[in-house]
Amino acid sequence: MPTNFLLESFEEHKRRGIENFRAGALKDARYHFLKAAEYLLELAQQSPDDLRKIRTKQAAELIDLAKNV
C-alpha cells in the first residue's frame, strides 16, 4: 500500500482510539488502537531499519494499550 495511505490511516485510527477512550467507549477505542497498530506495522515493513524499529515498538505499545483498555 502507498505510504501516505498507511500513515494517514494510522493517524486517523490512533486519533479515533484516543477520542473513544476519553468518551468511555472502550470497545471502540480498542478496535481503533489495534487498527492503528496494524497500519503502523505495515508502514514499518516499508521503512528503513532505524525507523522500522521505532514504528514496530510504537505498534507494540498500541497493542498493549488495546489489551489493557
Protein backbone atom coordinates (compact mmCIF):
# COMPACT_ATOMS: atom_id res chain seq x y z
CA MET A 1 0.00 0.00 0.00
CA PRO A 2 1.14 3.57 -0.56
CA THR A 3 3.00 5.11 2.36
CA ASN A 4 0.73 8.17 2.56
CA PHE A 5 -2.38 5.99 2.87
CA LEU A 6 -0.80 3.90 5.63
CA LEU A 7 0.39 6.94 7.57
CA GLU A 8 -2.94 8.75 7.27
CA SER A 9 -4.85 5.61 8.26
CA PHE A 10 -2.58 5.06 11.26
CA GLU A 11 -3.03 8.66 12.43
CA GLU A 12 -6.82 8.56 11.91
CA HIS A 13 -7.28 5.32 13.87
CA LYS A 14 -4.99 6.47 16.66
CA ARG A 15 -6.93 9.75 16.92
CA ARG A 16 -10.26 7.92 16.96
CA GLY A 17 -8.93 5.48 19.55
CA ILE A 18 -7.97 8.34 21.85
CA GLU A 19 -11.33 10.06 21.32
CA ASN A 20 -13.26 6.89 22.09
CA PHE A 21 -11.12 6.16 25.13
CA ARG A 22 -11.79 9.64 26.52
CA ALA A 23 -15.51 9.21 25.83
CA GLY A 24 -15.58 5.88 27.66
CA ALA A 25 -16.31 3.83 24.52
CA LEU A 26 -13.65 1.27 25.38
CA LYS A 27 -14.65 -1.38 22.84
CA ASP A 28 -14.38 1.16 20.02
CA ALA A 29 -11.13 2.53 21.45
CA ARG A 30 -9.64 -0.96 21.50
CA TYR A 31 -10.64 -1.51 17.86
CA HIS A 32 -9.08 1.75 16.70
CA PHE A 33 -5.85 1.22 18.67
CA LEU A 34 -5.48 -2.22 17.08
CA LYS A 35 -6.17 -0.86 13.58
CA ALA A 36 -3.64 1.91 14.18
CA ALA A 37 -1.07 -0.72 15.19
CA GLU A 38 -1.89 -2.77 12.08
CA TYR A 39 -1.28 0.17 9.75
CA LEU A 40 1.85 1.13 11.63
CA LEU A 41 3.28 -2.38 11.30
CA GLU A 42 2.60 -2.33 7.56
CA LEU A 43 4.32 1.05 7.38
CA ALA A 44 7.26 -0.30 9.38
CA GLN A 45 7.82 -3.01 6.78
CA GLN A 46 8.40 -0.30 4.17
CA SER A 47 10.68 1.79 6.40
CA PRO A 48 14.46 1.98 6.79
CA ASP A 49 15.90 -0.02 9.70
CA ASP A 50 16.06 2.78 12.27
CA LEU A 51 12.51 3.96 11.56
CA ARG A 52 11.27 0.35 11.36
CA LYS A 53 12.41 -0.28 14.94
CA ILE A 54 10.67 2.85 16.21
CA ARG A 55 7.43 2.09 14.39
CA THR A 56 7.45 -1.54 15.48
CA LYS A 57 7.95 -0.51 19.10
CA GLN A 58 5.15 2.04 18.88
CA ALA A 59 2.83 -0.56 17.34
CA ALA A 60 3.61 -2.95 20.20
CA GLU A 61 2.75 -0.19 22.68
CA LEU A 62 -0.59 0.38 20.92
CA ILE A 63 -1.34 -3.35 21.10
CA ASP A 64 -0.54 -3.38 24.82
CA LEU A 65 -2.77 -0.35 25.30
CA ALA A 66 -5.63 -2.09 23.47
CA LYS A 67 -5.21 -5.18 25.66
CA ASN A 68 -5.48 -3.08 28.81
CA VAL A 69 -8.41 -0.87 27.80
